[in-house]
Amino acid sequence: MFRRNKPSSSENRRDFATHGAALPLPANDMRNFFNLSQLVLSAGQLKPPPVLRHSKITFLEVEILDAHSKKQICVVDKIPPSSTLLDVKYRFHKICPQWSPSRIGLRLERNGVYLKDSVNIKSLAASSIITLYFTDMGQQVSWTTVFLTEYTGPLLIYLLFYLRLSSIYDEKQTARSLRHPVVHLACICHCLHYIRCLLETLFVHKISEGHTPLKNMIKGCIFYWGFTSWIAYYVNHPQYTPPSFENKQVTLAVLVFLMCEAGNHFINVALVHQNQPGNKISFPIPSINPFTWLFLLVSCPNYTYEIGSWISFTVMTQTVPAGIFAILMTIQMSQWARKKHQLYLKRCTTHKWRKAAMIPFML
């Protein structure tokens, strides 16, 4: 009688696999499978779906009120946060064409400071609505036009007096009198000064693209043109008398004048290079050029040289109008120099040892 052998475990697995039945797993295999499944479930999806983020831009509204009556003029809406105040002025001009952007003055408060065109509108926003006060600045002109007009006038006016037109001086006195050499030198120095100013305005200075009221240009023209007429009238008069020490006084004054004009030019060129984009230096420093060494003593040597030019011109011509003009220019430029000096002190603490703003060891 044959006895059938008990099938092995490997044969059982093949039979169950062939008939499609599930095989019972040992306890260790079940535990491992459970742990693996828990690990997969806790890890989440292998590649999560991308999250779509919708950037929502919040637009701003600018309410513009009249600074005097507090009445609403208009509302400029749908302004992107990246806009500047100049963009708001152009939008305001489209709504109210009678006011050009150059004559629009905007302030946060009725009696506050006028905001610059480069101010970002978002920096002014405490909410989605910004209230600004409008003031009509009047007819405006560019700074380039102001400087060219102020400097061209004295150049032409002085030449008219130098020609001794019959409508200005008596013809008989003009025919009898001979001109002293200082009269010719004074004309050359005066023209040289204003030609330098004109050329630097066109090719050296980086003048702001802003505007100034027309009345300010008129005031400047009255000052420069008026004093030029007064000075030129006396220096070119047929009865003009030369300086007391004559040639020695004139020669020394001319040399100082030329040195100050050269120094003023080199300082202006140095300041332009100093203010180039990317330059992190916040205060002027001297260079190899000896004319720039005055930076070691004062903060604004360009004003120092300017005053030196007019003082030497006064000594050269020995006239009262030139002296008064030099005094007034000294007062005005000392105020400008002090403001710039304080600005340098705020920017850099190492600048404090420079005690003077315009005149070494004094002012």
Protein backbone atom coordinates (compact mmCIF):
# COMPACT_ATOMS: atom_id res chain seq x y z
CA MET A 1 0.00 0.00 0.00
CA PHE A 2 1.44 3.27 -1.00
CA ARG A 3 1.50 6.15 1.47
CA ARG A 4 1.22 9.61 0.02
CA ASN A 5 3.85 12.02 1.26
CA LYS A 6 2.75 15.33 2.80
CA PRO A 7 3.37 18.15 0.35
CA SER A 8 6.09 20.66 1.28
CA SER A 9 5.46 24.28 2.02
CA SER A 10 7.05 25.38 -1.29
CA GLU A 11 4.68 23.13 -3.21
CA ASN A 12 1.70 24.53 -1.30
CA ARG A 13 2.80 28.07 -2.25
CA ARG A 14 3.01 27.12 -5.94
CA ASP A 15 -0.42 25.49 -5.85
CA PHE A 16 -2.07 28.47 -4.16
CA ALA A 17 -0.34 30.86 -6.55
CA THR A 18 -1.55 28.81 -9.49
CA HIS A 19 -5.17 28.79 -8.36
CA GLY A 20 -5.17 32.45 -7.41
CA ALA A 21 -5.68 32.03 -3.71
CA ALA A 22 -4.06 34.25 -1.07
CA LEU A 23 -1.28 32.79 0.96
CA PRO A 24 -1.31 33.20 4.68
CA LEU A 25 1.72 35.34 5.79
CA PRO A 26 3.77 34.58 8.85
CA ALA A 27 3.50 36.87 11.87
CA ASN A 28 6.82 38.64 11.14
CA ASP A 29 5.82 39.34 7.54
CA MET A 30 2.47 40.76 8.66
CA ARG A 31 4.19 43.09 11.13
CA ASN A 32 6.63 44.32 8.48
CA PHE A 33 3.86 44.93 5.97
CA PHE A 34 1.84 46.88 8.56
CA ASN A 35 4.83 49.06 9.46
CA LEU A 36 5.58 49.76 5.80
CA SER A 37 1.98 50.75 5.09
CA GLN A 38 1.93 53.08 8.09
CA LEU A 39 5.15 54.72 6.87
CA VAL A 40 3.72 55.31 3.41
CA LEU A 41 0.49 56.75 4.78
CA SER A 42 2.27 59.08 7.19
CA ALA A 43 4.62 60.39 4.43
CA GLY A 44 1.72 61.64 2.38
CA GLN A 45 1.77 61.98 -1.38
CA LEU A 46 5.08 61.60 -3.16
CA LYS A 47 4.57 64.72 -5.33
CA PRO A 48 1.98 67.17 -3.92
CA PRO A 49 -0.04 69.09 -6.49
CA PRO A 50 1.19 72.67 -7.10
CA VAL A 51 -0.55 75.36 -5.09
CA LEU A 52 -1.89 78.18 -7.20
CA ARG A 53 -1.34 81.51 -5.54
CA HIS A 54 -3.25 84.46 -6.87
CA SER A 55 -1.49 87.77 -6.11
CA LYS A 56 -4.08 90.39 -5.40
CA ILE A 57 -2.92 93.96 -6.00
CA THR A 58 -4.59 96.53 -3.77
CA PHE A 59 -5.05 99.83 -5.55
CA LEU A 60 -4.97 103.15 -3.73
CA GLU A 61 -7.16 106.21 -3.97
CA VAL A 62 -5.91 109.77 -3.57
CA GLU A 63 -8.37 112.40 -2.47
CA ILE A 64 -7.14 115.87 -3.41
CA LEU A 65 -8.46 118.81 -1.43
CA ASP A 66 -7.93 122.53 -1.89
CA ALA A 67 -5.43 123.73 0.72
CA HIS A 68 -7.33 126.99 1.31
CA SER A 69 -11.00 125.99 1.27
CA LYS A 70 -10.61 122.26 2.14
CA LYS A 71 -13.06 121.48 -0.67
CA GLN A 72 -12.60 118.31 -2.65
CA ILE A 73 -11.17 118.91 -6.10
CA CYS A 74 -11.07 115.34 -7.37
CA VAL A 75 -10.35 111.73 -6.49
CA VAL A 76 -7.61 109.87 -8.34
CA ASP A 77 -8.44 106.17 -8.08
CA LYS A 78 -6.89 102.84 -9.11
CA ILE A 79 -3.33 103.93 -8.35
CA PRO A 80 -0.81 101.04 -8.10
CA PRO A 81 1.23 101.03 -4.87
CA SER A 82 4.46 101.31 -6.86
CA SER A 83 3.47 104.68 -8.30
CA THR A 84 5.24 107.91 -7.39
CA LEU A 85 3.80 111.29 -6.60
CA LEU A 86 4.71 112.45 -10.11
CA ASP A 87 2.41 109.73 -11.50
CA VAL A 88 -0.38 111.08 -9.33
CA LYS A 89 0.26 114.60 -10.67
CA TYR A 90 -0.04 113.39 -14.24
CA ARG A 91 -3.32 111.61 -13.41
CA PHE A 92 -4.49 114.77 -11.66
CA HIS A 93 -3.59 116.80 -14.77
CA LYS A 94 -5.76 114.52 -16.94
CA ILE A 95 -8.73 115.19 -14.67
CA CYS A 96 -8.00 118.92 -14.32
CA PRO A 97 -6.14 120.04 -17.48
CA GLN A 98 -5.90 123.66 -16.30
CA TRP A 99 -3.07 122.69 -13.94
CA SER A 100 0.09 121.26 -15.45
CA PRO A 101 2.13 118.78 -13.35
CA SER A 102 4.91 121.34 -12.84
CA ARG A 103 2.63 123.79 -11.04
CA ILE A 104 0.88 121.21 -8.82
CA GLY A 105 2.00 121.33 -5.19
CA LEU A 106 0.81 118.48 -2.93
CA ARG A 107 1.16 118.21 0.85
CA LEU A 108 0.00 115.80 3.54
CA GLU A 109 -1.05 118.73 5.73
CA ARG A 110 -2.38 122.14 4.80
CA ASN A 111 0.69 123.95 6.15
CA GLY A 112 3.14 121.08 5.72
CA VAL A 113 6.12 120.62 3.45
CA TYR A 114 5.59 120.06 -0.25
CA LEU A 115 6.16 116.44 -1.19
CA LYS A 116 8.82 115.56 -3.74
CA ASP A 117 7.86 113.99 -7.06
CA SER A 118 10.04 110.94 -6.34
CA VAL A 119 8.12 109.97 -3.17
CA ASN A 120 6.52 106.52 -3.39
CA ILE A 121 2.79 106.82 -2.91
CA LYS A 122 2.69 103.65 -0.80
CA SER A 123 4.90 105.28 1.84
CA LEU A 124 2.20 107.92 2.38
CA ALA A 125 -0.67 105.45 2.77
CA ALA A 126 -2.08 104.75 6.22
CA SER A 127 -5.09 103.14 4.52
CA SER A 128 -6.37 102.60 1.00
CA ILE A 129 -7.38 106.28 0.81
CA ILE A 130 -4.78 109.07 0.92
CA THR A 131 -5.74 112.70 1.44
CA LEU A 132 -3.46 115.35 -0.08
CA TYR A 133 -3.78 119.13 -0.10
CA PHE A 134 -3.31 120.95 -3.39
CA THR A 135 -1.75 124.37 -3.95
CA ASP A 136 -1.28 126.05 -7.29
CA MET A 137 2.44 126.81 -7.53
CA GLY A 138 1.96 129.23 -10.41
CA GLN A 139 3.86 129.34 -13.67
CA GLN A 140 6.94 127.13 -13.41
CA VAL A 141 10.27 127.06 -15.25
CA SER A 142 13.02 124.45 -15.26
CA TRP A 143 16.21 124.98 -13.26
CA THR A 144 18.30 124.85 -16.43
CA THR A 145 16.30 127.74 -17.86
CA VAL A 146 16.77 129.69 -14.63
CA PHE A 147 20.57 129.33 -14.60
CA LEU A 148 21.00 130.02 -18.31
CA THR A 149 18.87 133.15 -18.08
CA GLU A 150 20.58 134.46 -14.95
CA TYR A 151 24.07 133.96 -16.44
CA THR A 152 23.43 135.06 -20.03
CA GLY A 153 22.03 138.44 -18.96
CA PRO A 154 25.15 139.70 -17.10
CA LEU A 155 27.38 138.54 -19.97
CA LEU A 156 25.51 140.59 -22.56
CA ILE A 157 24.77 143.57 -20.31
CA TYR A 158 28.41 144.09 -19.38
CA LEU A 159 29.44 144.01 -23.04
CA LEU A 160 26.88 146.72 -23.85
CA PHE A 161 28.42 149.03 -21.25
CA TYR A 162 31.91 148.10 -22.40
CA LEU A 163 31.07 149.29 -25.93
CA ARG A 164 30.14 152.70 -24.43
CA LEU A 165 26.96 153.15 -26.40
CA SER A 166 25.93 156.73 -27.05
CA SER A 167 22.61 156.07 -25.33
CA ILE A 168 24.48 155.33 -22.08
CA TYR A 169 27.48 157.69 -21.99
CA ASP A 170 28.16 161.14 -23.35
CA GLU A 171 29.81 160.97 -26.76
CA LYS A 172 32.15 163.90 -26.12
CA GLN A 173 33.46 162.43 -22.87
CA THR A 174 33.87 159.04 -24.53
CA ALA A 175 35.87 160.53 -27.39
CA ARG A 176 38.20 162.50 -25.10
CA SER A 177 38.95 159.80 -22.50
CA LEU A 178 41.36 156.92 -22.93
CA ARG A 179 40.62 153.58 -21.34
CA HIS A 180 42.92 152.30 -18.66
CA PRO A 181 44.15 148.69 -19.12
CA VAL A 182 42.18 147.65 -16.03
CA VAL A 183 38.95 148.40 -17.92
CA HIS A 184 39.84 145.79 -20.54
CA LEU A 185 41.00 143.30 -17.90
CA ALA A 186 37.80 143.76 -15.92
CA CYS A 187 35.70 143.04 -19.01
CA ILE A 188 37.72 139.91 -19.79
CA CYS A 189 37.46 138.62 -16.20
CA HIS A 190 33.74 139.37 -15.93
CA CYS A 191 32.96 137.63 -19.23
CA LEU A 192 35.21 134.70 -18.33
CA HIS A 193 33.31 134.16 -15.08
CA TYR A 194 29.89 133.98 -16.70
CA ILE A 195 31.07 131.97 -19.70
CA ARG A 196 32.40 129.41 -17.24
CA CYS A 197 29.05 129.37 -15.43
CA LEU A 198 27.18 128.85 -18.69
CA LEU A 199 29.44 126.03 -19.87
CA GLU A 200 29.27 124.27 -16.50
CA THR A 201 25.48 124.54 -16.53
CA LEU A 202 25.34 122.85 -19.92
CA PHE A 203 28.10 120.26 -19.62
CA VAL A 204 29.18 119.79 -15.98
CA HIS A 205 26.38 120.22 -13.47
CA LYS A 206 23.69 117.58 -13.09
CA ILE A 207 20.77 119.91 -12.65
CA SER A 208 17.57 118.65 -11.08
CA GLU A 209 14.69 117.96 -13.43
CA GLY A 210 12.38 119.83 -11.10
CA HIS A 211 10.89 123.26 -11.57
CA THR A 212 10.75 126.52 -9.68
CA PRO A 213 8.19 129.36 -9.79
CA LEU A 214 8.72 131.94 -12.50
CA LYS A 215 8.82 134.68 -9.87
CA ASN A 216 11.98 133.17 -8.38
CA MET A 217 13.72 133.42 -11.75
CA ILE A 218 12.59 137.01 -12.08
CA LYS A 219 14.02 137.84 -8.65
CA GLY A 220 17.34 136.22 -9.56
CA CYS A 221 17.50 138.07 -12.86
CA ILE A 222 16.79 141.40 -11.18
CA PHE A 223 19.60 140.76 -8.69
CA TYR A 224 22.27 139.62 -11.16
CA TRP A 225 21.30 141.87 -14.04
CA GLY A 226 20.84 144.91 -11.82
CA PHE A 227 24.21 144.62 -10.11
CA THR A 228 25.92 143.89 -13.43
CA SER A 229 24.50 147.12 -14.87
CA TRP A 230 25.60 149.08 -11.80
CA ILE A 231 29.13 147.64 -11.80
CA ALA A 232 29.61 147.94 -15.57
CA TYR A 233 28.38 151.52 -15.60
CA TYR A 234 31.09 152.68 -13.19
CA VAL A 235 33.95 150.55 -14.52
CA ASN A 236 33.37 151.55 -18.14
CA HIS A 237 32.51 155.20 -17.44
CA PRO A 238 34.70 157.72 -19.28
CA GLN A 239 35.59 159.36 -15.94
CA TYR A 240 36.55 156.09 -14.26
CA THR A 241 39.78 156.34 -12.24
CA PRO A 242 42.16 153.35 -11.95
CA PRO A 243 42.99 151.68 -8.60
CA SER A 244 45.21 153.43 -6.09
CA PHE A 245 48.23 151.13 -6.49
CA GLU A 246 47.62 150.78 -10.22
CA ASN A 247 49.51 147.94 -11.91
CA LYS A 248 50.63 146.12 -8.76
CA GLN A 249 47.10 146.05 -7.37
CA VAL A 250 45.57 145.08 -10.69
CA THR A 251 48.11 142.33 -11.43
CA LEU A 252 47.73 140.71 -8.02
CA ALA A 253 43.93 140.88 -8.21
CA VAL A 254 43.86 139.35 -11.69
CA LEU A 255 46.07 136.44 -10.62
CA VAL A 256 43.88 135.73 -7.59
CA PHE A 257 40.75 136.00 -9.75
CA LEU A 258 42.06 133.46 -12.29
CA MET A 259 43.16 131.10 -9.53
CA CYS A 260 39.70 131.25 -7.89
CA GLU A 261 37.95 130.67 -11.22
CA ALA A 262 40.10 127.62 -11.89
CA GLY A 263 39.52 126.33 -8.37
CA ASN A 264 35.77 126.81 -8.66
CA HIS A 265 35.70 124.83 -11.90
CA PHE A 266 37.76 121.91 -10.55
CA ILE A 267 35.64 121.74 -7.38
CA ASN A 268 32.44 121.58 -9.44
CA VAL A 269 33.90 118.77 -11.54
CA ALA A 270 34.97 116.91 -8.40
CA LEU A 271 31.49 117.25 -6.91
CA VAL A 272 29.91 115.80 -10.04
CA HIS A 273 32.19 112.74 -9.90
CA GLN A 274 31.55 112.48 -6.16
CA ASN A 275 27.78 112.25 -6.68
CA GLN A 276 27.87 109.57 -9.38
CA PRO A 277 25.55 106.56 -8.86
CA GLY A 278 27.15 103.77 -6.88
CA ASN A 279 29.53 106.03 -4.98
CA LYS A 280 28.96 105.37 -1.29
CA ILE A 281 31.06 108.28 -0.02
CA SER A 282 28.71 110.76 1.64
CA PHE A 283 31.10 113.73 1.83
CA PRO A 284 33.58 115.28 -0.63
CA ILE A 285 37.24 114.34 -0.42
CA PRO A 286 40.31 115.95 -2.04
CA SER A 287 42.08 114.42 -5.02
CA ILE A 288 45.50 114.80 -6.61
CA ASN A 289 44.43 118.17 -8.02
CA PRO A 290 45.81 120.90 -5.65
CA PHE A 291 42.66 122.99 -6.12
CA THR A 292 40.64 120.28 -4.37
CA TRP A 293 42.86 120.26 -1.28
CA LEU A 294 40.64 122.98 0.16
CA PHE A 295 38.23 120.15 1.00
CA LEU A 296 40.52 119.45 3.95
CA LEU A 297 39.59 122.77 5.54
CA VAL A 298 36.04 123.56 4.45
CA SER A 299 32.97 121.64 3.34
CA CYS A 300 32.02 123.93 0.44
CA PRO A 301 35.19 125.17 -1.30
CA ASN A 302 33.23 126.05 -4.44
CA TYR A 303 31.61 128.88 -2.46
CA THR A 304 35.01 129.86 -1.08
CA TYR A 305 36.42 130.23 -4.58
CA GLU A 306 33.31 132.09 -5.74
CA ILE A 307 33.67 134.66 -2.98
CA GLY A 308 37.38 134.91 -3.73
CA SER A 309 36.61 135.74 -7.36
CA TRP A 310 34.33 138.65 -6.47
CA ILE A 311 36.61 140.01 -3.77
CA SER A 312 39.54 140.01 -6.19
CA PHE A 313 37.33 141.65 -8.84
CA THR A 314 36.48 144.35 -6.30
CA VAL A 315 40.17 144.93 -5.54
CA MET A 316 40.98 144.99 -9.25
CA THR A 317 38.35 147.60 -10.17
CA GLN A 318 38.19 149.39 -6.79
CA THR A 319 34.51 150.26 -7.17
CA VAL A 320 31.77 150.46 -4.55
CA PRO A 321 29.12 148.50 -6.53
CA ALA A 322 31.47 145.54 -6.91
CA GLY A 323 32.21 145.61 -3.17
CA ILE A 324 28.52 145.64 -2.24
CA PHE A 325 27.86 142.77 -4.63
CA ALA A 326 30.72 140.76 -3.07
CA ILE A 327 29.32 141.35 0.44
CA LEU A 328 25.81 140.24 -0.55
CA MET A 329 27.15 137.16 -2.31
CA THR A 330 29.18 136.29 0.80
CA ILE A 331 26.09 136.50 3.01
CA GLN A 332 23.99 134.37 0.67
CA MET A 333 26.62 131.70 0.06
CA SER A 334 27.47 131.44 3.73
CA GLN A 335 23.86 130.42 4.37
CA TRP A 336 24.00 127.80 1.63
CA ALA A 337 27.35 126.53 2.92
CA ARG A 338 26.04 126.11 6.48
CA LYS A 339 23.11 124.04 5.28
CA LYS A 340 25.36 121.75 3.27
CA HIS A 341 27.82 121.53 6.15
CA GLN A 342 25.07 120.36 8.51
CA LEU A 343 23.98 117.81 5.93
CA TYR A 344 27.51 116.40 5.73
CA LEU A 345 27.64 116.15 9.52
CA LYS A 346 24.45 114.11 9.57
CA ARG A 347 25.69 111.73 6.87
CA CYS A 348 29.08 110.91 8.35
CA THR A 349 30.46 111.34 11.86
CA THR A 350 34.06 111.46 10.61
CA HIS A 351 33.25 114.79 8.98
CA LYS A 352 32.86 116.55 12.35
CA TRP A 353 36.50 117.55 12.62
CA ARG A 354 36.02 119.94 9.71
CA LYS A 355 34.95 122.97 11.69
CA ALA A 356 34.43 125.41 8.82
CA ALA A 357 31.72 125.44 6.20
CA MET A 358 33.07 128.03 3.75
CA ILE A 359 35.91 130.12 5.23
CA PRO A 360 38.76 128.12 6.86
CA PHE A 361 38.87 128.38 10.69
CA MET A 362 36.13 131.04 10.68
CA LEU A 363 32.81 130.25 9.00
